[in-house]
Amino acid sequence: SFLSKEVQMPDYTIVFQIWDTAGQERFRSLVPMYLRGAKAALIVYDVTSLESFKIASKLLKELHCHCAEDTKMMLIAAKCDMP
């Protein structure tokens, strides 16, 4: 799924584009397009799934290949409240 949200600041506009691919392989070829011009990127993984973490690690490597050096990156652990 995709969501775009503009936030007006006094001197500029911030555009948030959220792409939720759920780690699906079929979206892998689109990663460079998603990242074009990105100032920040978030990768969310499921702490209850080792496979989810492995996918997140691969995506993080792709970010380093396709993003500018000054792009901010964050790895986020989801479902931390799960046993």
PDB file of N, CA and C in Angstrom:
ATOM      1  N   SER A   1       0.839  -1.176   0.000  1.00  0.00           N
ATOM      2  CA  SER A   1       0.000   0.000   0.000  1.00  0.00           C
ATOM      3  C   SER A   1       0.886   1.243   0.000  1.00  0.00           C
ATOM      4  N   PHE A   2       0.276   2.373  -0.283  1.00  0.00           N
ATOM      5  CA  PHE A   2       1.017   3.624  -0.424  1.00  0.00           C
ATOM      6  C   PHE A   2       0.220   4.757   0.203  1.00  0.00           C
ATOM      7  N   LEU A   3       0.919   5.652   0.886  1.00  0.00           N
ATOM      8  CA  LEU A   3       0.296   6.837   1.464  1.00  0.00           C
ATOM      9  C   LEU A   3       1.241   8.011   1.259  1.00  0.00           C
ATOM     10  N   SER A   4       0.692   9.131   0.839  1.00  0.00           N
ATOM     11  CA  SER A   4       1.473  10.353   0.690  1.00  0.00           C
ATOM     12  C   SER A   4       0.820  11.440   1.527  1.00  0.00           C
ATOM     13  N   LYS A   5       1.631  12.168   2.279  1.00  0.00           N
ATOM     14  CA  LYS A   5       1.119  13.213   3.161  1.00  0.00           C
ATOM     15  C   LYS A   5       2.063  14.404   3.098  1.00  0.00           C
ATOM     16  N   GLU A   6       1.498  15.585   2.851  1.00  0.00           N
ATOM     17  CA  GLU A   6       2.282  16.814   2.856  1.00  0.00           C
ATOM     18  C   GLU A   6       2.066  17.548   4.163  1.00  0.00           C
ATOM     19  N   VAL A   7       3.155  18.027   4.737  1.00  0.00           N
ATOM     20  CA  VAL A   7       3.095  18.812   5.968  1.00  0.00           C
ATOM     21  C   VAL A   7       3.715  20.173   5.661  1.00  0.00           C
ATOM     22  N   GLN A   8       2.933  21.219   5.843  1.00  0.00           N
ATOM     23  CA  GLN A   8       3.399  22.576   5.567  1.00  0.00           C
ATOM     24  C   GLN A   8       4.149  23.126   6.779  1.00  0.00           C
ATOM     25  N   MET A   9       5.373  23.523   6.553  1.00  0.00           N
ATOM     26  CA  MET A   9       6.178  24.191   7.560  1.00  0.00           C
ATOM     27  C   MET A   9       6.227  25.669   7.178  1.00  0.00           C
ATOM     28  N   PRO A  10       6.677  26.546   8.074  1.00  0.00           N
ATOM     29  CA  PRO A  10       6.704  27.978   7.733  1.00  0.00           C
ATOM     30  C   PRO A  10       7.498  28.298   6.460  1.00  0.00           C
ATOM     31  N   ASP A  11       8.625  27.618   6.259  1.00  0.00           N
ATOM     32  CA  ASP A  11       9.493  27.956   5.128  1.00  0.00           C
ATOM     33  C   ASP A  11       9.597  26.880   4.053  1.00  0.00           C
ATOM     34  N   TYR A  12       8.970  25.736   4.263  1.00  0.00           N
ATOM     35  CA  TYR A  12       9.092  24.643   3.303  1.00  0.00           C
ATOM     36  C   TYR A  12       7.980  23.624   3.525  1.00  0.00           C
ATOM     37  N   THR A  13       7.896  22.678   2.610  1.00  0.00           N
ATOM     38  CA  THR A  13       6.911  21.604   2.698  1.00  0.00           C
ATOM     39  C   THR A  13       7.649  20.282   2.834  1.00  0.00           C
ATOM     40  N   ILE A  14       7.190  19.433   3.732  1.00  0.00           N
ATOM     41  CA  ILE A  14       7.727  18.081   3.871  1.00  0.00           C
ATOM     42  C   ILE A  14       6.713  17.130   3.247  1.00  0.00           C
ATOM     43  N   VAL A  15       7.189  16.243   2.380  1.00  0.00           N
ATOM     44  CA  VAL A  15       6.316  15.247   1.769  1.00  0.00           C
ATOM     45  C   VAL A  15       6.727  13.879   2.294  1.00  0.00           C
ATOM     46  N   PHE A  16       5.809  13.231   2.986  1.00  0.00           N
ATOM     47  CA  PHE A  16       6.033  11.871   3.466  1.00  0.00           C
ATOM     48  C   PHE A  16       5.407  10.917   2.461  1.00  0.00           C
ATOM     49  N   GLN A  17       6.176   9.949   1.981  1.00  0.00           N
ATOM     50  CA  GLN A  17       5.646   8.900   1.123  1.00  0.00           C
ATOM     51  C   GLN A  17       5.920   7.577   1.819  1.00  0.00           C
ATOM     52  N   ILE A  18       4.867   6.893   2.184  1.00  0.00           N
ATOM     53  CA  ILE A  18       4.981   5.625   2.901  1.00  0.00           C
ATOM     54  C   ILE A  18       4.648   4.491   1.938  1.00  0.00           C
ATOM     55  N   TRP A  19       5.607   3.623   1.723  1.00  0.00           N
ATOM     56  CA  TRP A  19       5.427   2.449   0.869  1.00  0.00           C
ATOM     57  C   TRP A  19       5.474   1.219   1.765  1.00  0.00           C
ATOM     58  N   ASP A  20       4.396   0.493   1.844  1.00  0.00           N
ATOM     59  CA  ASP A  20       4.349  -0.727   2.648  1.00  0.00           C
ATOM     60  C   ASP A  20       4.354  -1.922   1.708  1.00  0.00           C
ATOM     61  N   THR A  21       5.518  -2.550   1.572  1.00  0.00           N
ATOM     62  CA  THR A  21       5.646  -3.701   0.667  1.00  0.00           C
ATOM     63  C   THR A  21       5.572  -5.023   1.408  1.00  0.00           C
ATOM     64  N   ALA A  22       5.506  -4.964   2.725  1.00  0.00           N
ATOM     65  CA  ALA A  22       5.446  -6.166   3.564  1.00  0.00           C
ATOM     66  C   ALA A  22       6.583  -7.133   3.249  1.00  0.00           C
ATOM     67  N   GLY A  23       7.705  -6.601   2.754  1.00  0.00           N
ATOM     68  CA  GLY A  23       8.866  -7.439   2.463  1.00  0.00           C
ATOM     69  C   GLY A  23       8.689  -8.377   1.289  1.00  0.00           C
ATOM     70  N   GLN A  24       7.658  -8.147   0.485  1.00  0.00           N
ATOM     71  CA  GLN A  24       7.369  -9.055  -0.621  1.00  0.00           C
ATOM     72  C   GLN A  24       8.416  -8.922  -1.723  1.00  0.00           C
ATOM     73  N   GLU A  25       8.901 -10.037  -2.192  1.00  0.00           N
ATOM     74  CA  GLU A  25       9.952 -10.083  -3.206  1.00  0.00           C
ATOM     75  C   GLU A  25       9.529  -9.394  -4.504  1.00  0.00           C
ATOM     76  N   ARG A  26       8.251  -9.435  -4.830  1.00  0.00           N
ATOM     77  CA  ARG A  26       7.790  -8.854  -6.095  1.00  0.00           C
ATOM     78  C   ARG A  26       7.993  -7.336  -6.151  1.00  0.00           C
ATOM     79  N   PHE A  27       8.189  -6.700  -5.006  1.00  0.00           N
ATOM     80  CA  PHE A  27       8.417  -5.260  -4.974  1.00  0.00           C
ATOM     81  C   PHE A  27       9.899  -4.901  -4.960  1.00  0.00           C
ATOM     82  N   ARG A  28      10.783  -5.890  -4.873  1.00  0.00           N
ATOM     83  CA  ARG A  28      12.218  -5.651  -4.738  1.00  0.00           C
ATOM     84  C   ARG A  28      12.777  -4.796  -5.886  1.00  0.00           C
ATOM     85  N   SER A  29      12.327  -5.041  -7.107  1.00  0.00           N
ATOM     86  CA  SER A  29      12.862  -4.286  -8.248  1.00  0.00           C
ATOM     87  C   SER A  29      12.444  -2.817  -8.221  1.00  0.00           C
ATOM     88  N   LEU A  30      11.443  -2.474  -7.414  1.00  0.00           N
ATOM     89  CA  LEU A  30      10.964  -1.095  -7.331  1.00  0.00           C
ATOM     90  C   LEU A  30      11.702  -0.264  -6.283  1.00  0.00           C
ATOM     91  N   VAL A  31      12.538  -0.910  -5.475  1.00  0.00           N
ATOM     92  CA  VAL A  31      13.227  -0.213  -4.387  1.00  0.00           C
ATOM     93  C   VAL A  31      13.988   1.020  -4.875  1.00  0.00           C
ATOM     94  N   PRO A  32      14.770   0.952  -5.958  1.00  0.00           N
ATOM     95  CA  PRO A  32      15.480   2.166  -6.396  1.00  0.00           C
ATOM     96  C   PRO A  32      14.530   3.328  -6.703  1.00  0.00           C
ATOM     97  N   MET A  33      13.368   3.022  -7.281  1.00  0.00           N
ATOM     98  CA  MET A  33      12.398   4.071  -7.579  1.00  0.00           C
ATOM     99  C   MET A  33      11.845   4.687  -6.294  1.00  0.00           C
ATOM    100  N   TYR A  34      11.551   3.849  -5.313  1.00  0.00           N
ATOM    101  CA  TYR A  34      11.033   4.342  -4.034  1.00  0.00           C
ATOM    102  C   TYR A  34      12.025   5.295  -3.376  1.00  0.00           C
ATOM    103  N   LEU A  35      13.297   5.010  -3.535  1.00  0.00           N
ATOM    104  CA  LEU A  35      14.334   5.738  -2.808  1.00  0.00           C
ATOM    105  C   LEU A  35      14.840   6.988  -3.509  1.00  0.00           C
ATOM    106  N   ARG A  36      14.462   7.176  -4.761  1.00  0.00           N
ATOM    107  CA  ARG A  36      14.957   8.317  -5.527  1.00  0.00           C
ATOM    108  C   ARG A  36      14.613   9.626  -4.809  1.00  0.00           C
ATOM    109  N   GLY A  37      15.617  10.373  -4.442  1.00  0.00           N
ATOM    110  CA  GLY A  37      15.418  11.664  -3.794  1.00  0.00           C
ATOM    111  C   GLY A  37      15.034  11.592  -2.325  1.00  0.00           C
ATOM    112  N   ALA A  38      15.050  10.406  -1.750  1.00  0.00           N
ATOM    113  CA  ALA A  38      14.643  10.257  -0.345  1.00  0.00           C
ATOM    114  C   ALA A  38      15.638  10.939   0.588  1.00  0.00           C
ATOM    115  N   LYS A  39      15.122  11.609   1.577  1.00  0.00           N
ATOM    116  CA  LYS A  39      15.950  12.229   2.615  1.00  0.00           C
ATOM    117  C   LYS A  39      16.040  11.326   3.843  1.00  0.00           C
ATOM    118  N   ALA A  40      15.090  10.390   3.943  1.00  0.00           N
ATOM    119  CA  ALA A  40      15.061   9.454   5.074  1.00  0.00           C
ATOM    120  C   ALA A  40      14.378   8.166   4.634  1.00  0.00           C
ATOM    121  N   ALA A  41      14.714   7.079   5.302  1.00  0.00           N
ATOM    122  CA  ALA A  41      14.092   5.787   5.018  1.00  0.00           C
ATOM    123  C   ALA A  41      13.950   5.009   6.323  1.00  0.00           C
ATOM    124  N   LEU A  42      12.809   4.378   6.478  1.00  0.00           N
ATOM    125  CA  LEU A  42      12.536   3.547   7.651  1.00  0.00           C
ATOM    126  C   LEU A  42      12.331   2.117   7.188  1.00  0.00           C
ATOM    127  N   ILE A  43      12.947   1.185   7.889  1.00  0.00           N
ATOM    128  CA  ILE A  43      12.704  -0.236   7.636  1.00  0.00           C
ATOM    129  C   ILE A  43      12.140  -0.806   8.924  1.00  0.00           C
ATOM    130  N   VAL A  44      10.986  -1.440   8.813  1.00  0.00           N
ATOM    131  CA  VAL A  44      10.323  -2.016   9.983  1.00  0.00           C
ATOM    132  C   VAL A  44      10.360  -3.533   9.850  1.00  0.00           C
ATOM    133  N   TYR A  45      10.758  -4.197  10.930  1.00  0.00           N
ATOM    134  CA  TYR A  45      10.749  -5.658  10.920  1.00  0.00           C
ATOM    135  C   TYR A  45       9.987  -6.172  12.131  1.00  0.00           C
ATOM    136  N   ASP A  46       9.583  -7.415  12.059  1.00  0.00           N
ATOM    137  CA  ASP A  46       8.796  -8.096  13.087  1.00  0.00           C
ATOM    138  C   ASP A  46       9.755  -8.858  14.009  1.00  0.00           C
ATOM    139  N   VAL A  47       9.832  -8.463  15.281  1.00  0.00           N
ATOM    140  CA  VAL A  47      10.775  -9.113  16.196  1.00  0.00           C
ATOM    141  C   VAL A  47      10.436 -10.573  16.464  1.00  0.00           C
ATOM    142  N   THR A  48       9.235 -10.997  16.117  1.00  0.00           N
ATOM    143  CA  THR A  48       8.855 -12.395  16.328  1.00  0.00           C
ATOM    144  C   THR A  48       9.232 -13.273  15.136  1.00  0.00           C
ATOM    145  N   SER A  49       9.857 -12.667  14.107  1.00  0.00           N
ATOM    146  CA  SER A  49      10.176 -13.411  12.889  1.00  0.00           C
ATOM    147  C   SER A  49      11.627 -13.185  12.474  1.00  0.00           C
ATOM    148  N   LEU A  50      12.430 -14.224  12.548  1.00  0.00           N
ATOM    149  CA  LEU A  50      13.819 -14.132  12.102  1.00  0.00           C
ATOM    150  C   LEU A  50      13.869 -13.807  10.612  1.00  0.00           C
ATOM    151  N   GLU A  51      12.961 -14.376   9.836  1.00  0.00           N
ATOM    152  CA  GLU A  51      12.917 -14.111   8.397  1.00  0.00           C
ATOM    153  C   GLU A  51      12.680 -12.625   8.123  1.00  0.00           C
ATOM    154  N   SER A  52      11.817 -12.009   8.898  1.00  0.00           N
ATOM    155  CA  SER A  52      11.552 -10.579   8.764  1.00  0.00           C
ATOM    156  C   SER A  52      12.828  -9.773   9.003  1.00  0.00           C
ATOM    157  N   PHE A  53      13.615 -10.163  10.000  1.00  0.00           N
ATOM    158  CA  PHE A  53      14.872  -9.469  10.283  1.00  0.00           C
ATOM    159  C   PHE A  53      15.870  -9.657   9.141  1.00  0.00           C
ATOM    160  N   LYS A  54      15.926 -10.849   8.569  1.00  0.00           N
ATOM    161  CA  LYS A  54      16.833 -11.104   7.441  1.00  0.00           C
ATOM    162  C   LYS A  54      16.462 -10.237   6.244  1.00  0.00           C
ATOM    163  N   ILE A  55      15.169 -10.114   5.972  1.00  0.00           N
ATOM    164  CA  ILE A  55      14.702  -9.267   4.874  1.00  0.00           C
ATOM    165  C   ILE A  55      15.064  -7.813   5.152  1.00  0.00           C
ATOM    166  N   ALA A  56      14.871  -7.374   6.385  1.00  0.00           N
ATOM    167  CA  ALA A  56      15.213  -6.000   6.766  1.00  0.00           C
ATOM    168  C   ALA A  56      16.703  -5.742   6.564  1.00  0.00           C
ATOM    169  N   SER A  57      17.532  -6.709   6.897  1.00  0.00           N
ATOM    170  CA  SER A  57      18.982  -6.564   6.710  1.00  0.00           C
ATOM    171  C   SER A  57      19.328  -6.393   5.236  1.00  0.00           C
ATOM    172  N   LYS A  58      18.676  -7.178   4.377  1.00  0.00           N
ATOM    173  CA  LYS A  58      18.908  -7.050   2.932  1.00  0.00           C
ATOM    174  C   LYS A  58      18.461  -5.681   2.431  1.00  0.00           C
ATOM    175  N   LEU A  59      17.308  -5.234   2.906  1.00  0.00           N
ATOM    176  CA  LEU A  59      16.804  -3.923   2.489  1.00  0.00           C
ATOM    177  C   LEU A  59      17.733  -2.802   2.940  1.00  0.00           C
ATOM    178  N   LEU A  60      18.290  -2.937   4.125  1.00  0.00           N
ATOM    179  CA  LEU A  60      19.226  -1.929   4.624  1.00  0.00           C
ATOM    180  C   LEU A  60      20.454  -1.833   3.720  1.00  0.00           C
ATOM    181  N   LYS A  61      20.946  -2.968   3.254  1.00  0.00           N
ATOM    182  CA  LYS A  61      22.076  -2.967   2.319  1.00  0.00           C
ATOM    183  C   LYS A  61      21.697  -2.272   1.019  1.00  0.00           C
ATOM    184  N   GLU A  62      20.466  -2.513   0.542  1.00  0.00           N
ATOM    185  CA  GLU A  62      20.001  -1.848  -0.676  1.00  0.00           C
ATOM    186  C   GLU A  62      19.909  -0.342  -0.479  1.00  0.00           C
ATOM    187  N   LEU A  63      19.475   0.069   0.700  1.00  0.00           N
ATOM    188  CA  LEU A  63      19.408   1.503   0.984  1.00  0.00           C
ATOM    189  C   LEU A  63      20.779   2.141   0.816  1.00  0.00           C
ATOM    190  N   HIS A  64      21.805   1.489   1.340  1.00  0.00           N
ATOM    191  CA  HIS A  64      23.161   2.025   1.249  1.00  0.00           C
ATOM    192  C   HIS A  64      23.622   2.118  -0.205  1.00  0.00           C
ATOM    193  N   CYS A  65      23.115   1.241  -1.064  1.00  0.00           N
ATOM    194  CA  CYS A  65      23.492   1.261  -2.482  1.00  0.00           C
ATOM    195  C   CYS A  65      22.754   2.337  -3.272  1.00  0.00           C
ATOM    196  N   HIS A  66      21.500   2.607  -2.919  1.00  0.00           N
ATOM    197  CA  HIS A  66      20.647   3.461  -3.746  1.00  0.00           C
ATOM    198  C   HIS A  66      20.384   4.848  -3.181  1.00  0.00           C
ATOM    199  N   CYS A  67      20.756   5.090  -1.945  1.00  0.00           N
ATOM    200  CA  CYS A  67      20.485   6.393  -1.321  1.00  0.00           C
ATOM    201  C   CYS A  67      21.742   7.248  -1.281  1.00  0.00           C
ATOM    202  N   ALA A  68      21.527   8.540  -1.184  1.00  0.00           N
ATOM    203  CA  ALA A  68      22.647   9.466  -1.013  1.00  0.00           C
ATOM    204  C   ALA A  68      23.279   9.233   0.359  1.00  0.00           C
ATOM    205  N   GLU A  69      24.533   9.623   0.495  1.00  0.00           N
ATOM    206  CA  GLU A  69      25.252   9.409   1.756  1.00  0.00           C
ATOM    207  C   GLU A  69      24.590  10.080   2.947  1.00  0.00           C
ATOM    208  N   ASP A  70      23.921  11.211   2.705  1.00  0.00           N
ATOM    209  CA  ASP A  70      23.306  11.942   3.818  1.00  0.00           C
ATOM    210  C   ASP A  70      21.863  11.514   4.122  1.00  0.00           C
ATOM    211  N   THR A  71      21.382  10.467   3.451  1.00  0.00           N
ATOM    212  CA  THR A  71      20.034   9.965   3.730  1.00  0.00           C
ATOM    213  C   THR A  71      20.009   9.347   5.125  1.00  0.00           C
ATOM    214  N   LYS A  72      19.060   9.763   5.917  1.00  0.00           N
ATOM    215  CA  LYS A  72      18.901   9.215   7.269  1.00  0.00           C
ATOM    216  C   LYS A  72      18.169   7.884   7.167  1.00  0.00           C
ATOM    217  N   MET A  73      18.653   6.879   7.891  1.00  0.00           N
ATOM    218  CA  MET A  73      18.055   5.544   7.868  1.00  0.00           C
ATOM    219  C   MET A  73      17.762   5.085   9.285  1.00  0.00           C
ATOM    220  N   MET A  74      16.634   4.389   9.433  1.00  0.00           N
ATOM    221  CA  MET A  74      16.258   3.892  10.752  1.00  0.00           C
ATOM    222  C   MET A  74      15.686   2.483  10.614  1.00  0.00           C
ATOM    223  N   LEU A  75      16.165   1.593  11.460  1.00  0.00           N
ATOM    224  CA  LEU A  75      15.641   0.235  11.553  1.00  0.00           C
ATOM    225  C   LEU A  75      14.724   0.194  12.770  1.00  0.00           C
ATOM    226  N   ILE A  76      13.469  -0.198  12.548  1.00  0.00           N
ATOM    227  CA  ILE A  76      12.460  -0.172  13.609  1.00  0.00           C
ATOM    228  C   ILE A  76      11.982  -1.586  13.902  1.00  0.00           C
ATOM    229  N   ALA A  77      12.011  -1.964  15.178  1.00  0.00           N
ATOM    230  CA  ALA A  77      11.529  -3.276  15.614  1.00  0.00           C
ATOM    231  C   ALA A  77      10.056  -3.157  15.994  1.00  0.00           C
ATOM    232  N   ALA A  78       9.207  -3.924  15.325  1.00  0.00           N
ATOM    233  CA  ALA A  78       7.773  -3.931  15.613  1.00  0.00           C
ATOM    234  C   ALA A  78       7.413  -5.183  16.410  1.00  0.00           C
ATOM    235  N   LYS A  79       6.299  -5.124  17.068  1.00  0.00           N
ATOM    236  CA  LYS A  79       5.764  -6.230  17.867  1.00  0.00           C
ATOM    237  C   LYS A  79       6.642  -6.539  19.081  1.00  0.00           C
ATOM    238  N   CYS A  80       7.310  -5.534  19.614  1.00  0.00           N
ATOM    239  CA  CYS A  80       8.154  -5.727  20.799  1.00  0.00           C
ATOM    240  C   CYS A  80       7.337  -6.131  22.018  1.00  0.00           C
ATOM    241  N   ASP A  81       6.053  -5.878  21.978  1.00  0.00           N
ATOM    242  CA  ASP A  81       5.186  -6.225  23.101  1.00  0.00           C
ATOM    243  C   ASP A  81       4.705  -7.671  23.040  1.00  0.00           C
ATOM    244  N   MET A  82       5.096  -8.395  21.992  1.00  0.00           N
ATOM    245  CA  MET A  82       4.677  -9.790  21.832  1.00  0.00           C
ATOM    246  C   MET A  82       5.605 -10.701  22.640  1.00  0.00           C
ATOM    247  N   PRO A  83       5.063 -11.773  23.191  1.00  0.00           N
ATOM    248  CA  PRO A  83       5.916 -12.698  23.964  1.00  0.00           C
ATOM    249  C   PRO A  83       6.872 -13.485  23.085  1.00  0.00           C
TER     250      PRO A  83
END
